[in-house]
Protein backbone atom coordinates (compact mmCIF):
# COMPACT_ATOMS: atom_id res chain seq x y z
CA MET A 1 -147.96 -75.01 122.99
CA LEU A 2 -150.14 -76.00 125.95
CA TYR A 3 -152.44 -73.02 125.39
CA ALA A 4 -152.74 -73.83 121.69
CA SER A 5 -153.56 -77.46 122.44
CA LEU A 6 -156.21 -76.55 125.00
CA LEU A 7 -157.76 -74.01 122.62
CA LEU A 8 -157.88 -76.61 119.86
CA ILE A 9 -159.58 -79.11 122.14
CA LEU A 10 -162.11 -76.48 123.23
CA GLN A 11 -162.68 -75.45 119.62
CA ILE A 12 -163.42 -79.02 118.53
CA ALA A 13 -165.70 -79.64 121.52
CA LEU A 14 -167.73 -76.50 120.85
CA ILE A 15 -168.08 -77.28 117.13
CA ILE A 16 -169.39 -80.73 118.03
CA HIS A 17 -171.83 -79.09 120.44
CA VAL A 18 -173.05 -76.72 117.70
CA LEU A 19 -173.73 -79.62 115.35
CA ARG A 20 -175.35 -81.87 117.96
CA THR A 21 -177.69 -79.23 119.35
CA GLY A 22 -178.71 -77.64 116.03
CA GLN A 23 -177.27 -74.17 116.67
CA SER A 24 -176.71 -71.71 113.81
CA PRO A 25 -174.01 -72.91 111.36
CA TRP A 26 -172.46 -69.44 111.62
CA TRP A 27 -171.09 -70.53 114.98
CA VAL A 28 -169.00 -73.17 113.19
CA VAL A 29 -167.61 -70.53 110.84
CA GLY A 30 -166.76 -68.23 113.76
CA LEU A 31 -165.17 -71.01 115.79
CA ILE A 32 -162.96 -71.97 112.87
CA LEU A 33 -161.92 -68.46 111.82
CA PHE A 34 -161.79 -66.79 115.25
CA PRO A 35 -161.55 -69.61 117.81
CA GLY A 36 -160.61 -67.49 120.82
CA ILE A 37 -163.30 -64.82 120.86
CA SER A 38 -165.90 -67.12 119.31
CA SER A 39 -165.37 -69.71 122.03
CA LEU A 40 -165.91 -67.09 124.73
CA LEU A 41 -169.04 -65.76 123.02
CA TYR A 42 -170.46 -69.25 122.51
CA ILE A 43 -169.91 -70.21 126.12
CA ALA A 44 -171.49 -66.96 127.34
CA GLN A 45 -174.44 -66.80 124.95
CA ILE A 46 -175.30 -70.48 124.40
CA LEU A 47 -173.94 -72.69 127.17
CA ILE A 48 -174.56 -70.25 130.02
CA GLN A 49 -177.53 -68.27 128.78
CA ASP A 50 -179.40 -71.23 127.21
CA GLY A 51 -179.75 -69.67 123.78
CA SER A 52 -182.55 -71.97 122.62
CA TYR A 53 -185.53 -70.38 124.36
CA PRO A 54 -184.11 -67.32 126.16
CA THR A 55 -186.32 -65.34 128.44
CA ALA A 56 -186.84 -61.65 127.91
CA SER A 57 -184.49 -60.84 130.77
CA SER A 58 -181.70 -63.12 129.58
CA ARG A 59 -181.68 -61.82 126.03
CA SER A 60 -182.46 -58.14 126.63
CA TRP A 61 -178.80 -57.19 126.63
CA ARG A 62 -178.24 -58.98 123.33
CA GLN A 63 -181.30 -58.06 121.29
CA PRO A 64 -183.33 -54.88 120.76
CA ASN A 65 -186.73 -54.88 122.44
CA LEU A 66 -190.01 -54.59 120.59
CA ALA A 67 -190.18 -50.80 120.93
CA GLN A 68 -186.67 -50.41 119.53
CA LEU A 69 -187.46 -52.70 116.61
CA ARG A 70 -190.61 -50.70 115.85
CA GLN A 71 -188.58 -47.49 115.85
CA GLN A 72 -185.89 -48.99 113.61
CA TRP A 73 -188.55 -50.23 111.18
CA GLN A 74 -190.29 -46.83 111.09
CA GLN A 75 -186.98 -45.09 110.38
CA THR A 76 -185.76 -47.63 107.81
CA PRO A 77 -188.53 -49.99 106.62
CA THR A 78 -186.22 -52.44 104.84
CA ALA A 79 -187.00 -56.11 104.34
CA ASP A 80 -184.57 -57.03 107.11
CA ALA A 81 -186.07 -54.52 109.56
CA SER A 82 -189.56 -55.76 108.71
CA ARG A 83 -188.56 -59.37 109.24
CA ARG A 84 -186.89 -58.70 112.60
CA LEU A 85 -189.90 -56.75 113.86
CA ALA A 86 -192.35 -59.38 112.59
CA GLU A 87 -190.31 -62.16 114.22
CA ALA A 88 -190.35 -60.26 117.52
CA LEU A 89 -194.11 -59.81 117.23
CA SER A 90 -194.49 -63.53 116.57
CA GLU A 91 -192.42 -64.38 119.66
CA GLN A 92 -194.82 -62.25 121.70
CA GLY A 93 -197.80 -64.08 120.21
CA LEU A 94 -198.93 -61.00 118.27
CA TRP A 95 -199.62 -63.09 115.22
CA GLN A 96 -202.14 -60.85 113.48
CA GLU A 97 -199.86 -57.83 113.64
CA ALA A 98 -196.96 -59.96 112.45
CA CYS A 99 -199.07 -61.30 109.58
CA ASP A 100 -200.11 -57.80 108.54
CA LEU A 101 -196.49 -56.61 108.62
CA TYR A 102 -195.27 -59.55 106.54
CA GLN A 103 -197.98 -58.88 103.93
CA GLN A 104 -197.20 -55.19 103.90
CA SER A 105 -193.51 -55.91 103.38
CA LEU A 106 -193.99 -58.36 100.49
CA THR A 107 -194.08 -55.70 97.78
CA GLY A 108 -191.81 -54.46 95.04
CA ALA A 109 -188.34 -55.97 95.14
CA ASN A 110 -189.27 -57.91 98.28
CA ARG A 111 -192.37 -59.51 96.79
CA TYR A 112 -190.79 -62.96 96.78
CA ASP A 113 -188.38 -62.58 99.69
CA THR A 114 -187.99 -66.14 101.02
CA LEU A 115 -187.67 -65.28 104.70
CA LEU A 116 -190.65 -62.91 104.61
CA LEU A 117 -192.78 -65.51 102.84
CA HIS A 118 -191.84 -68.18 105.35
CA GLY A 119 -192.61 -65.86 108.25
CA LEU A 120 -195.99 -65.05 106.69
CA ALA A 121 -196.79 -68.75 106.36
CA GLN A 122 -195.93 -69.31 110.03
CA ALA A 123 -198.17 -66.42 111.06
CA GLN A 124 -201.04 -67.67 108.90
CA LEU A 125 -200.71 -71.14 110.39
CA ALA A 126 -200.74 -69.69 113.92
CA LEU A 127 -203.91 -67.77 113.00
CA ASN A 128 -205.57 -71.06 111.98
CA GLN A 129 -205.36 -70.27 108.26
CA PRO A 130 -203.57 -73.43 107.02
CA GLN A 131 -204.89 -73.16 103.46
CA LEU A 132 -203.40 -69.68 103.11
CA ALA A 133 -200.20 -70.88 104.76
CA LEU A 134 -199.89 -73.73 102.25
CA HIS A 135 -200.36 -71.32 99.35
CA THR A 136 -197.69 -69.02 100.78
CA LEU A 137 -195.28 -71.93 101.15
CA GLN A 138 -195.91 -72.95 97.54
CA VAL A 139 -195.13 -69.41 96.36
CA MET A 140 -191.95 -69.46 98.46
CA GLN A 141 -190.91 -72.82 97.02
CA GLU A 142 -191.57 -71.85 93.41
CA GLN A 143 -190.66 -68.17 93.31
CA GLY A 144 -188.79 -67.34 96.51
CA SER A 145 -185.67 -65.22 96.09
CA GLY A 146 -183.11 -66.67 98.45
CA GLU A 147 -182.25 -69.84 100.28
CA ILE A 148 -185.23 -71.63 101.79
CA PRO A 149 -184.84 -71.82 105.59
CA GLN A 150 -184.50 -75.20 107.23
CA GLU A 151 -187.62 -74.53 109.30
CA ALA A 152 -189.73 -74.46 106.12
CA GLY A 153 -189.97 -78.25 106.06
CA LEU A 154 -191.36 -78.25 109.58
CA THR A 155 -193.79 -75.44 108.76
CA ARG A 156 -195.02 -77.36 105.70
CA ALA A 157 -195.52 -80.56 107.69
CA CYS A 158 -197.48 -78.68 110.38
CA THR A 159 -199.58 -77.04 107.69
CA LEU A 160 -200.40 -80.33 105.96
CA ASP A 161 -201.19 -81.83 109.36
CA ALA A 162 -203.63 -79.00 110.11
CA LEU A 163 -205.31 -79.66 106.76
CA ASP A 164 -205.35 -83.45 107.31
CA ASP A 165 -203.69 -83.69 103.91
CA PRO A 166 -202.85 -87.17 102.51
CA ASP A 167 -199.18 -86.12 102.22
CA THR A 168 -198.88 -85.36 105.93
CA GLU A 169 -197.21 -88.61 106.95
CA GLN A 170 -194.60 -88.38 104.20
CA ALA A 171 -193.88 -84.79 105.22
CA TRP A 172 -193.22 -85.85 108.81
CA ARG A 173 -191.15 -88.87 107.83
CA SER A 174 -188.96 -86.76 105.53
CA LEU A 175 -187.87 -84.69 108.54
CA LEU A 176 -186.89 -87.59 110.80
CA GLY A 177 -183.13 -87.75 111.13
CA HIS A 178 -182.66 -84.61 109.05
CA TYR A 179 -184.14 -81.86 111.21
CA PRO A 180 -182.30 -80.94 114.42
CA GLY A 181 -184.05 -81.85 117.61
CA PRO A 182 -186.99 -84.11 118.52
CA GLU A 183 -189.87 -81.85 117.47
CA PRO A 184 -190.67 -83.65 114.18
CA ALA A 185 -190.62 -87.05 115.89
CA CYS A 186 -192.99 -85.86 118.62
CA ARG A 187 -195.37 -84.25 116.15
CA TYR A 188 -195.28 -87.34 113.95
CA ALA A 189 -195.98 -89.52 116.99
CA ALA A 190 -198.99 -87.35 117.85
CA TRP A 191 -200.22 -87.76 114.26
CA LEU A 192 -199.82 -91.54 114.58
CA GLN A 193 -201.79 -91.50 117.83
CA ARG A 194 -204.65 -89.64 116.17
CA HIS A 195 -204.70 -92.34 113.50
CA HIS A 196 -204.77 -95.12 116.14
CA ARG A 197 -201.28 -96.39 115.27
CA ASP A 198 -200.23 -96.62 118.89
CA ALA A 199 -197.29 -99.00 118.54
CA GLU A 200 -195.63 -96.76 115.94
CA ALA A 201 -196.32 -93.70 118.08
CA ARG A 202 -194.66 -95.33 121.09
CA SER A 203 -191.65 -96.17 118.93
CA GLN A 204 -191.23 -92.52 117.97
CA TYR A 205 -191.60 -91.34 121.56
CA ARG A 206 -189.12 -93.98 122.70
CA GLU A 207 -186.53 -92.75 120.20
CA VAL A 208 -186.95 -89.21 121.52
CA LEU A 209 -186.41 -90.36 125.10
CA ASP A 210 -183.44 -92.54 124.12
CA ALA A 211 -181.82 -89.56 122.37
CA ALA A 212 -182.40 -87.44 125.48
CA ALA A 213 -180.77 -90.10 127.64
CA ARG A 214 -177.69 -90.10 125.40
CA ASN A 215 -177.24 -86.33 125.53
CA GLY A 216 -176.33 -83.92 128.27
CA HIS A 217 -177.99 -81.25 130.35
CA HIS A 218 -177.96 -78.61 127.62
CA TYR A 219 -179.86 -80.91 125.26
CA HIS A 220 -182.54 -81.33 127.92
CA ARG A 221 -182.81 -77.56 128.40
CA LEU A 222 -182.86 -77.02 124.66
CA TYR A 223 -185.65 -79.51 123.97
CA ARG A 224 -187.42 -79.66 127.33
CA ARG A 225 -190.86 -79.17 125.81
CA TRP A 226 -190.55 -82.10 123.42
CA ILE A 227 -188.93 -84.44 125.93
CA GLN A 228 -191.82 -83.77 128.29
CA GLN A 229 -194.29 -84.36 125.46
CA ALA A 230 -192.61 -87.68 124.66
CA LYS A 231 -192.93 -88.76 128.30
CA ALA A 232 -196.59 -87.77 128.36
CA GLY A 233 -197.19 -89.47 125.02
CA MET A 234 -195.64 -92.73 126.25
CA ALA A 235 -197.84 -92.64 129.33
CA ALA A 236 -200.98 -91.98 127.31
CA THR A 237 -200.34 -94.55 124.57
CA PRO A 238 -201.36 -98.17 125.23
CA SER A 239 -198.44 -100.60 125.07
């Protein structure tokens, strides 16, 4: 009975952690269906290894390297293999190669694959091609075959921001409170700064820092970049 009670407490605590830190919802499923092994895996892969922005050394034992992904794609060039290779290329900053691979993969039955289209839009945006990225996102929204990833809203807002589109502010505001983590708030605050709305920008940065103060060490590791940006933004914005 004691073991079962402790496992239940651990299970609940880890599920709360998944939801608060924006981890994959599949962790919730695993923790509910297989609490023992899933708890051990979550602790090892997320809490200990900092699964948000893992270094190459920390994730090498969990994920194939770029050479392995290339070989897998050459042997079996499926949509999934293409996506995994293109994502790995993107993580390495090889945006042009990733873009070319996404475009090459969007043919036949995969022409409107949602994940491939979203990856292509991200690559186009990184290559400073926001107009193409916006078109790709529109195709994904209207014709994509599959569930639209949560990151698509952020990609769209970044794209509109790059284009200085009139809908940019609404795109950022629609993400506040709905997208995990402080990235949308920081990006929106930067947009407000560029439009000389300093008081509103400070308010957004302050909310980011307040959220960081309420959360623990893992939250700070997970969103270190945006917490630092909020601190810098507060310092640079007149009060």
